[in-house]
C-alpha atoms as a PDB file:
ATOM      1  CA  MET A   1      74.161  95.224 128.609  1.00  0.00           C
ATOM      2  CA  LYS A   2      73.983  95.653 132.292  1.00  0.00           C
ATOM      3  CA  LYS A   3      72.941  92.510 134.694  1.00  0.00           C
ATOM      4  CA  LYS A   4      69.360  93.207 135.984  1.00  0.00           C
ATOM      5  CA  ARG A   5      69.587  92.862 139.660  1.00  0.00           C
ATOM      6  CA  SER A   6      67.120  90.065 141.340  1.00  0.00           C
ATOM      7  CA  LYS A   7      64.033  90.713 142.986  1.00  0.00           C
ATOM      8  CA  ASN A   8      65.650  88.905 146.537  1.00  0.00           C
ATOM      9  CA  PHE A   9      68.126  91.791 146.723  1.00  0.00           C
ATOM     10  CA  ILE A  10      66.059  94.846 145.493  1.00  0.00           C
ATOM     11  CA  ILE A  11      63.421  93.495 148.277  1.00  0.00           C
ATOM     12  CA  GLY A  12      66.401  92.712 150.940  1.00  0.00           C
ATOM     13  CA  ALA A  13      68.358  96.263 150.241  1.00  0.00           C
ATOM     14  CA  PHE A  14      65.390  98.098 150.460  1.00  0.00           C
ATOM     15  CA  LEU A  15      64.509  95.968 154.054  1.00  0.00           C
ATOM     16  CA  THR A  16      67.897  96.237 155.019  1.00  0.00           C
ATOM     17  CA  GLY A  17      68.213  99.796 154.423  1.00  0.00           C
ATOM     18  CA  PHE A  18      65.043 101.200 156.105  1.00  0.00           C
ATOM     19  CA  MET A  19      65.668  99.327 159.241  1.00  0.00           C
ATOM     20  CA  LEU A  20      69.020 101.286 159.041  1.00  0.00           C
ATOM     21  CA  LEU A  21      67.169 105.117 158.727  1.00  0.00           C
ATOM     22  CA  PHE A  22      64.605 102.927 161.410  1.00  0.00           C
ATOM     23  CA  VAL A  23      67.817 102.449 163.765  1.00  0.00           C
ATOM     24  CA  LEU A  24      69.310 106.079 162.948  1.00  0.00           C
ATOM     25  CA  LEU A  25      66.644 107.548 163.842  1.00  0.00           C
ATOM     26  CA  GLY A  26      66.460 106.471 167.434  1.00  0.00           C
ATOM     27  CA  VAL A  27      69.794 107.276 167.755  1.00  0.00           C
ATOM     28  CA  VAL A  28      69.124 111.243 167.196  1.00  0.00           C
ATOM     29  CA  TRP A  29      65.459 111.310 168.417  1.00  0.00           C
ATOM     30  CA  THR A  30      62.563 109.217 170.369  1.00  0.00           C
ATOM     31  CA  PRO A  31      59.384 110.836 171.349  1.00  0.00           C
ATOM     32  CA  TYR A  32      60.192 110.177 175.273  1.00  0.00           C
ATOM     33  CA  ASP A  33      62.623 108.864 177.091  1.00  0.00           C
ATOM     34  CA  PRO A  34      62.473 105.187 176.816  1.00  0.00           C
ATOM     35  CA  GLU A  35      63.557 104.783 180.647  1.00  0.00           C
ATOM     36  CA  THR A  36      61.301 107.316 182.165  1.00  0.00           C
ATOM     37  CA  MET A  37      58.193 105.639 183.888  1.00  0.00           C
ATOM     38  CA  ASP A  38      54.308 106.610 183.745  1.00  0.00           C
ATOM     39  CA  GLY A  39      51.721 104.829 186.140  1.00  0.00           C
ATOM     40  CA  ALA A  40      49.016 106.302 184.822  1.00  0.00           C
ATOM     41  CA  ASN A  41      49.736 105.499 181.287  1.00  0.00           C
ATOM     42  CA  LYS A  42      50.196 101.595 182.153  1.00  0.00           C
ATOM     43  CA  LEU A  43      49.683  98.883 179.656  1.00  0.00           C
ATOM     44  CA  ALA A  44      47.836 102.006 177.397  1.00  0.00           C
ATOM     45  CA  GLY A  45      46.681 101.159 173.619  1.00  0.00           C
ATOM     46  CA  VAL A  46      47.751 102.765 170.802  1.00  0.00           C
ATOM     47  CA  SER A  47      47.123 106.547 170.179  1.00  0.00           C
ATOM     48  CA  PHE A  48      48.328 109.816 168.738  1.00  0.00           C
ATOM     49  CA  SER A  49      50.520 110.579 171.841  1.00  0.00           C
ATOM     50  CA  HIS A  50      51.716 106.944 171.806  1.00  0.00           C
ATOM     51  CA  ILE A  51      51.685 105.114 168.732  1.00  0.00           C
ATOM     52  CA  MET A  52      52.638 101.619 169.450  1.00  0.00           C
ATOM     53  CA  GLY A  53      51.467 101.952 173.288  1.00  0.00           C
ATOM     54  CA  CYS A  54      52.610 101.578 176.684  1.00  0.00           C
ATOM     55  CA  ASP A  55      54.227  98.462 178.691  1.00  0.00           C
ATOM     56  CA  ASP A  56      53.490  97.452 182.333  1.00  0.00           C
ATOM     57  CA  PHE A  57      55.656 100.243 183.545  1.00  0.00           C
ATOM     58  CA  GLY A  58      54.106 103.206 181.519  1.00  0.00           C
ATOM     59  CA  ARG A  59      57.047 103.306 179.558  1.00  0.00           C
ATOM     60  CA  ASP A  60      56.617 104.379 175.403  1.00  0.00           C
ATOM     61  CA  ILE A  61      56.833 101.245 173.457  1.00  0.00           C
ATOM     62  CA  PHE A  62      58.011 103.306 170.089  1.00  0.00           C
ATOM     63  CA  SER A  63      60.731 104.562 172.139  1.00  0.00           C
ATOM     64  CA  ARG A  64      61.779 101.539 173.102  1.00  0.00           C
ATOM     65  CA  VAL A  65      61.641  99.227 170.348  1.00  0.00           C
ATOM     66  CA  LEU A  66      63.294 102.967 168.722  1.00  0.00           C
ATOM     67  CA  LYS A  67      66.307 102.045 171.273  1.00  0.00           C
ATOM     68  CA  GLY A  68      66.126  98.443 170.859  1.00  0.00           C
ATOM     69  CA  SER A  69      66.588  97.853 167.292  1.00  0.00           C
ATOM     70  CA  GLY A  70      69.572  99.984 167.719  1.00  0.00           C
ATOM     71  CA  THR A  71      71.408  97.836 170.444  1.00  0.00           C
ATOM     72  CA  THR A  72      70.077  94.801 168.702  1.00  0.00           C
ATOM     73  CA  LEU A  73      71.810  95.752 165.503  1.00  0.00           C
ATOM     74  CA  LEU A  74      74.993  97.172 167.591  1.00  0.00           C
ATOM     75  CA  VAL A  75      75.874  93.355 169.205  1.00  0.00           C
ATOM     76  CA  ALA A  76      75.107  91.903 165.621  1.00  0.00           C
ATOM     77  CA  LEU A  77      77.767  95.028 163.799  1.00  0.00           C
ATOM     78  CA  GLY A  78      80.187  93.759 166.993  1.00  0.00           C
ATOM     79  CA  THR A  79      79.269  89.844 166.531  1.00  0.00           C
ATOM     80  CA  VAL A  80      80.109  89.776 162.818  1.00  0.00           C
ATOM     81  CA  ALA A  81      82.960  92.202 162.716  1.00  0.00           C
ATOM     82  CA  ILE A  82      84.881  90.142 165.329  1.00  0.00           C
ATOM     83  CA  GLY A  83      83.854  86.692 164.019  1.00  0.00           C
ATOM     84  CA  THR A  84      84.800  88.223 160.594  1.00  0.00           C
ATOM     85  CA  PHE A  85      88.073  89.585 161.503  1.00  0.00           C
ATOM     86  CA  PHE A  86      89.339  86.481 162.950  1.00  0.00           C
ATOM     87  CA  GLY A  87      87.343  83.750 160.311  1.00  0.00           C
ATOM     88  CA  ILE A  88      89.362  85.554 157.733  1.00  0.00           C
ATOM     89  CA  ILE A  89      92.709  85.392 159.349  1.00  0.00           C
ATOM     90  CA  LEU A  90      92.077  81.996 160.115  1.00  0.00           C
ATOM     91  CA  GLY A  91      90.362  80.696 157.509  1.00  0.00           C
ATOM     92  CA  ALA A  92      93.351  82.804 155.382  1.00  0.00           C
ATOM     93  CA  VAL A  93      96.102  81.192 157.229  1.00  0.00           C
ATOM     94  CA  CYS A  94      94.573  77.616 156.824  1.00  0.00           C
ATOM     95  CA  GLY A  95      93.697  78.042 152.740  1.00  0.00           C
ATOM     96  CA  TYR A  96      97.069  79.087 152.110  1.00  0.00           C
ATOM     97  CA  TYR A  97      99.312  77.293 153.666  1.00  0.00           C
ATOM     98  CA  GLY A  98      97.491  74.001 153.987  1.00  0.00           C
ATOM     99  CA  GLY A  99      99.755  70.845 155.835  1.00  0.00           C
ATOM    100  CA  ILE A 100      99.469  70.351 159.777  1.00  0.00           C
ATOM    101  CA  LEU A 101      99.000  73.634 160.643  1.00  0.00           C
ATOM    102  CA  ASP A 102      95.510  73.581 158.205  1.00  0.00           C
ATOM    103  CA  GLU A 103      94.625  70.092 159.707  1.00  0.00           C
ATOM    104  CA  VAL A 104      95.615  71.141 163.631  1.00  0.00           C
ATOM    105  CA  ILE A 105      93.395  75.016 163.523  1.00  0.00           C
ATOM    106  CA  MET A 106      90.824  73.197 161.432  1.00  0.00           C
ATOM    107  CA  ARG A 107      90.210  69.887 163.463  1.00  0.00           C
ATOM    108  CA  VAL A 108      89.782  72.722 166.581  1.00  0.00           C
ATOM    109  CA  VAL A 109      87.063  74.702 164.506  1.00  0.00           C
ATOM    110  CA  ASP A 110      84.836  71.802 163.207  1.00  0.00           C
ATOM    111  CA  ALA A 111      84.765  70.523 166.542  1.00  0.00           C
ATOM    112  CA  VAL A 112      83.847  74.075 167.992  1.00  0.00           C
ATOM    113  CA  PHE A 113      81.685  74.208 164.757  1.00  0.00           C
ATOM    114  CA  ALA A 114      79.335  70.769 165.638  1.00  0.00           C
ATOM    115  CA  PHE A 115      78.297  73.074 168.366  1.00  0.00           C
ATOM    116  CA  PRO A 116      75.097  75.161 167.587  1.00  0.00           C
ATOM    117  CA  ASN A 117      76.183  79.409 168.251  1.00  0.00           C
ATOM    118  CA  ILE A 118      73.645  80.108 170.764  1.00  0.00           C
ATOM    119  CA  LEU A 119      75.013  77.398 172.675  1.00  0.00           C
ATOM    120  CA  LEU A 120      78.625  78.465 172.549  1.00  0.00           C
ATOM    121  CA  ALA A 121      77.562  82.057 173.353  1.00  0.00           C
ATOM    122  CA  LEU A 122      75.596  80.883 176.682  1.00  0.00           C
ATOM    123  CA  VAL A 123      79.098  78.973 177.743  1.00  0.00           C
ATOM    124  CA  PHE A 124      81.390  82.186 177.154  1.00  0.00           C
ATOM    125  CA  ILE A 125      77.873  84.290 179.285  1.00  0.00           C
ATOM    126  CA  SER A 126      78.373  82.075 182.142  1.00  0.00           C
ATOM    127  CA  LEU A 127      82.049  82.680 181.941  1.00  0.00           C
ATOM    128  CA  LEU A 128      82.048  86.542 181.364  1.00  0.00           C
ATOM    129  CA  GLY A 129      78.569  87.323 182.880  1.00  0.00           C
ATOM    130  CA  PRO A 130      75.744  88.941 181.059  1.00  0.00           C
ATOM    131  CA  GLY A 131      75.774  92.516 179.630  1.00  0.00           C
ATOM    132  CA  ARG A 132      75.552  93.981 175.469  1.00  0.00           C
ATOM    133  CA  ASN A 133      80.169  94.143 175.519  1.00  0.00           C
ATOM    134  CA  ASN A 134      79.785  90.969 177.099  1.00  0.00           C
ATOM    135  CA  VAL A 135      77.418  89.196 175.009  1.00  0.00           C
ATOM    136  CA  ILE A 136      79.043  90.840 171.764  1.00  0.00           C
ATOM    137  CA  ILE A 137      82.364  88.976 172.763  1.00  0.00           C
ATOM    138  CA  ALA A 138      80.775  85.871 173.187  1.00  0.00           C
ATOM    139  CA  LEU A 139      78.417  85.461 170.276  1.00  0.00           C
ATOM    140  CA  GLY A 140      81.531  86.965 168.306  1.00  0.00           C
ATOM    141  CA  ILE A 141      83.984  84.294 169.370  1.00  0.00           C
ATOM    142  CA  ALA A 142      81.060  81.738 168.705  1.00  0.00           C
ATOM    143  CA  PHE A 143      80.562  83.131 165.184  1.00  0.00           C
ATOM    144  CA  ILE A 144      84.398  83.142 163.834  1.00  0.00           C
ATOM    145  CA  PRO A 145      84.668  79.170 162.967  1.00  0.00           C
ATOM    146  CA  SER A 146      82.135  79.744 160.464  1.00  0.00           C
ATOM    147  CA  PHE A 147      83.139  82.437 158.534  1.00  0.00           C
ATOM    148  CA  ALA A 148      86.838  80.637 159.262  1.00  0.00           C
ATOM    149  CA  ARG A 149      85.501  77.358 156.939  1.00  0.00           C
ATOM    150  CA  ILE A 150      84.200  80.018 154.238  1.00  0.00           C
ATOM    151  CA  VAL A 151      87.264  81.834 153.723  1.00  0.00           C
ATOM    152  CA  ARG A 152      89.696  78.509 154.049  1.00  0.00           C
ATOM    153  CA  SER A 153      87.383  76.863 151.162  1.00  0.00           C
ATOM    154  CA  GLU A 154      87.997  80.216 148.970  1.00  0.00           C
ATOM    155  CA  PHE A 155      91.234  80.368 149.707  1.00  0.00           C
ATOM    156  CA  ILE A 156      92.436  76.561 148.519  1.00  0.00           C
ATOM    157  CA  ARG A 157      89.806  77.358 144.975  1.00  0.00           C
ATOM    158  CA  CYS A 158      92.033  80.372 144.623  1.00  0.00           C
ATOM    159  CA  ARG A 159      95.831  79.439 145.715  1.00  0.00           C
ATOM    160  CA  ASN A 160      96.642  77.776 142.033  1.00  0.00           C
ATOM    161  CA  MET A 161      95.235  80.243 140.372  1.00  0.00           C
ATOM    162  CA  ASP A 162      97.209  81.643 137.385  1.00  0.00           C
ATOM    163  CA  TYR A 163      96.981  85.788 138.911  1.00  0.00           C
ATOM    164  CA  VAL A 164      97.877  83.879 142.274  1.00  0.00           C
ATOM    165  CA  LYS A 165     101.141  82.045 140.258  1.00  0.00           C
ATOM    166  CA  SER A 166     101.908  85.684 138.571  1.00  0.00           C
ATOM    167  CA  ALA A 167     102.321  86.930 141.914  1.00  0.00           C
ATOM    168  CA  LYS A 168     104.624  84.689 143.004  1.00  0.00           C
ATOM    169  CA  LEU A 169     106.887  84.905 140.305  1.00  0.00           C
ATOM    170  CA  SER A 170     106.970  88.691 140.300  1.00  0.00           C
ATOM    171  CA  GLY A 171     108.672  88.246 143.779  1.00  0.00           C
ATOM    172  CA  ALA A 172     104.744  89.266 146.057  1.00  0.00           C
ATOM    173  CA  SER A 173     104.721  88.012 149.310  1.00  0.00           C
ATOM    174  CA  ASP A 174     102.988  85.885 151.081  1.00  0.00           C
ATOM    175  CA  LEU A 175     100.532  88.275 153.240  1.00  0.00           C
ATOM    176  CA  ARG A 176      99.843  90.591 149.992  1.00  0.00           C
ATOM    177  CA  ILE A 177      99.409  87.355 147.932  1.00  0.00           C
ATOM    178  CA  MET A 178      96.714  86.545 150.913  1.00  0.00           C
ATOM    179  CA  PHE A 179      95.251  90.121 151.289  1.00  0.00           C
ATOM    180  CA  VAL A 180      95.794  91.870 148.607  1.00  0.00           C
ATOM    181  CA  HIS A 181      95.325  89.131 145.515  1.00  0.00           C
ATOM    182  CA  ILE A 182      92.932  86.330 146.532  1.00  0.00           C
ATOM    183  CA  LEU A 183      91.039  88.192 149.595  1.00  0.00           C
ATOM    184  CA  PRO A 184      89.223  90.662 147.228  1.00  0.00           C
ATOM    185  CA  ASN A 185      88.169  87.510 144.790  1.00  0.00           C
ATOM    186  CA  THR A 186      86.321  86.223 147.829  1.00  0.00           C
ATOM    187  CA  LEU A 187      84.249  88.876 148.563  1.00  0.00           C
ATOM    188  CA  THR A 188      81.479  87.552 146.645  1.00  0.00           C
ATOM    189  CA  VAL A 189      80.665  85.123 148.892  1.00  0.00           C
ATOM    190  CA  LEU A 190      82.269  86.562 152.520  1.00  0.00           C
ATOM    191  CA  LEU A 191      79.481  89.316 151.670  1.00  0.00           C
ATOM    192  CA  SER A 192      76.900  86.849 151.272  1.00  0.00           C
ATOM    193  CA  ALA A 193      78.246  84.916 154.562  1.00  0.00           C
ATOM    194  CA  VAL A 194      78.211  88.611 156.358  1.00  0.00           C
ATOM    195  CA  MET A 195      74.432  89.255 155.912  1.00  0.00           C
ATOM    196  CA  ILE A 196      73.750  85.390 157.412  1.00  0.00           C
ATOM    197  CA  GLY A 197      75.936  86.541 160.455  1.00  0.00           C
ATOM    198  CA  PHE A 198      73.857  89.738 160.842  1.00  0.00           C
ATOM    199  CA  ASN A 199      70.649  87.793 160.286  1.00  0.00           C
ATOM    200  CA  ASN A 200      71.976  84.956 162.852  1.00  0.00           C
ATOM    201  CA  ALA A 201      73.357  87.462 165.259  1.00  0.00           C
ATOM    202  CA  VAL A 202      69.619  89.526 165.541  1.00  0.00           C
ATOM    203  CA  LEU A 203      67.882  86.264 166.166  1.00  0.00           C
ATOM    204  CA  SER A 204      70.603  85.149 168.705  1.00  0.00           C
ATOM    205  CA  GLU A 205      70.834  88.605 170.938  1.00  0.00           C
ATOM    206  CA  ALA A 206      67.152  88.396 170.846  1.00  0.00           C
ATOM    207  CA  GLY A 207      66.758  84.969 172.124  1.00  0.00           C
ATOM    208  CA  MET A 208      69.716  85.488 174.690  1.00  0.00           C
ATOM    209  CA  SER A 209      68.098  88.722 176.103  1.00  0.00           C
ATOM    210  CA  TYR A 210      64.660  86.429 175.832  1.00  0.00           C
ATOM    211  CA  LEU A 211      66.445  84.635 178.006  1.00  0.00           C
ATOM    212  CA  GLY A 212      67.399  87.226 180.627  1.00  0.00           C
ATOM    213  CA  ILE A 213      71.185  86.685 180.105  1.00  0.00           C
ATOM    214  CA  GLY A 214      71.994  89.134 177.663  1.00  0.00           C
ATOM    215  CA  VAL A 215      71.134  93.112 177.546  1.00  0.00           C
ATOM    216  CA  GLN A 216      70.191  93.793 180.565  1.00  0.00           C
ATOM    217  CA  PRO A 217      67.335  96.266 181.603  1.00  0.00           C
ATOM    218  CA  PRO A 218      66.964  99.515 182.032  1.00  0.00           C
ATOM    219  CA  GLN A 219      68.267  99.122 178.839  1.00  0.00           C
ATOM    220  CA  PRO A 220      65.984  98.335 175.818  1.00  0.00           C
ATOM    221  CA  SER A 221      66.131  95.221 174.303  1.00  0.00           C
ATOM    222  CA  LEU A 222      64.022  93.717 171.893  1.00  0.00           C
ATOM    223  CA  GLY A 223      64.443  90.083 173.160  1.00  0.00           C
ATOM    224  CA  TYR A 224      64.111  91.153 176.464  1.00  0.00           C
ATOM    225  CA  MET A 225      60.820  92.934 175.616  1.00  0.00           C
ATOM    226  CA  LEU A 226      59.423  90.125 174.198  1.00  0.00           C
ATOM    227  CA  SER A 227      60.142  88.504 177.029  1.00  0.00           C
ATOM    228  CA  GLU A 228      58.367  91.356 179.516  1.00  0.00           C
ATOM    229  CA  ALA A 229      55.611  91.037 176.641  1.00  0.00           C
ATOM    230  CA  GLN A 230      54.585  87.698 177.369  1.00  0.00           C
ATOM    231  CA  THR A 231      52.357  88.202 180.137  1.00  0.00           C
ATOM    232  CA  TYR A 232      50.527  90.590 178.224  1.00  0.00           C
ATOM    233  CA  LEU A 233      49.757  88.559 175.114  1.00  0.00           C
ATOM    234  CA  PHE A 234      45.855  89.120 175.666  1.00  0.00           C
ATOM    235  CA  SER A 235      45.493  92.279 177.555  1.00  0.00           C
ATOM    236  CA  SER A 236      47.915  94.451 175.819  1.00  0.00           C
ATOM    237  CA  PRO A 237      49.317  92.788 172.227  1.00  0.00           C
ATOM    238  CA  GLY A 238      51.036  95.353 171.297  1.00  0.00           C
ATOM    239  CA  TYR A 239      53.759  95.077 173.719  1.00  0.00           C
ATOM    240  CA  ALA A 240      54.771  92.077 172.122  1.00  0.00           C
ATOM    241  CA  ILE A 241      53.944  92.343 168.701  1.00  0.00           C
ATOM    242  CA  PHE A 242      56.202  95.550 167.594  1.00  0.00           C
ATOM    243  CA  PRO A 243      59.421  94.465 169.125  1.00  0.00           C
ATOM    244  CA  GLY A 244      58.360  91.288 167.304  1.00  0.00           C
ATOM    245  CA  LEU A 245      57.635  92.925 163.702  1.00  0.00           C
ATOM    246  CA  VAL A 246      60.792  94.840 163.781  1.00  0.00           C
ATOM    247  CA  ILE A 247      63.167  91.246 164.422  1.00  0.00           C
ATOM    248  CA  ILE A 248      61.156  89.857 161.734  1.00  0.00           C
ATOM    249  CA  LEU A 249      61.841  92.740 159.467  1.00  0.00           C
ATOM    250  CA  MET A 250      65.828  92.589 160.453  1.00  0.00           C
ATOM    251  CA  VAL A 251      66.569  89.198 159.674  1.00  0.00           C
ATOM    252  CA  LEU A 252      64.072  89.095 156.348  1.00  0.00           C
ATOM    253  CA  GLY A 253      66.039  92.018 155.149  1.00  0.00           C
ATOM    254  CA  PHE A 254      69.601  89.986 155.668  1.00  0.00           C
ATOM    255  CA  SER A 255      67.975  86.907 154.095  1.00  0.00           C
ATOM    256  CA  LEU A 256      67.427  88.450 151.465  1.00  0.00           C
ATOM    257  CA  LEU A 257      69.862  90.499 150.977  1.00  0.00           C
ATOM    258  CA  ALA A 258      72.068  87.358 151.492  1.00  0.00           C
ATOM    259  CA  GLU A 259      69.846  85.095 148.996  1.00  0.00           C
ATOM    260  CA  GLY A 260      70.511  88.315 146.669  1.00  0.00           C
ATOM    261  CA  LEU A 261      74.140  88.080 146.700  1.00  0.00           C
ATOM    262  CA  LYS A 262      74.140  84.327 145.835  1.00  0.00           C
ATOM    263  CA  GLU A 263      72.407  84.626 142.760  1.00  0.00           C
ATOM    264  CA  GLU A 264      74.528  87.549 141.701  1.00  0.00           C
ATOM    265  CA  LYS A 265      77.345  85.433 142.332  1.00  0.00           C
END
């Protein structure tokens, strides 16, 4: 009998899919140029022509939210890609071989893991400078330890199983055993970690852009929009509400999807 999907998985998949469609819409179309200023519409309210109103430069908020969502998702995708790729390599090597190599690498990983991701990213940004690409690199490096620890624990669990022993007896190379036999059996746990990684990356990017050290203007960013909007919370609340709502929906979608994957393990 087919297993029933959990509610968290269904709701998370729906929200994530909806946000992906929202981002794709911003790639192909926006009602206005997100960077075009219009003094006549400064802090204009919600209307048929501007469904989310305008910011303090008269720029259409809906257009900027569409583009800003794409920027945030791109940063999250790059961050998770870097963290997952290098985390898998480090975790696989440590978990499969163990010994002194495992001890040395994991002590370094544990030391780095002791610091919050956002704090590590701030250190790297201070060296690299602000900007979208540098944020991706900084957050990606900061995310490596968490993925390495997860992959290592899964490889330790799997390395003495019968199918691994059978592969060794058949003459399979270590690389083949690690990435063809063991890695596919860690995907359920790894996918859940990836969803959590997306969640954390979205929040980290928004936080760094809010502080002014992430994505730089005039490129739209949800975090930077929140920073700009704080002066106008009472006179133009939509300026902060709409980008904040998009961040919440992204984070909620990834969180529920991660929880759903855990429940279906």
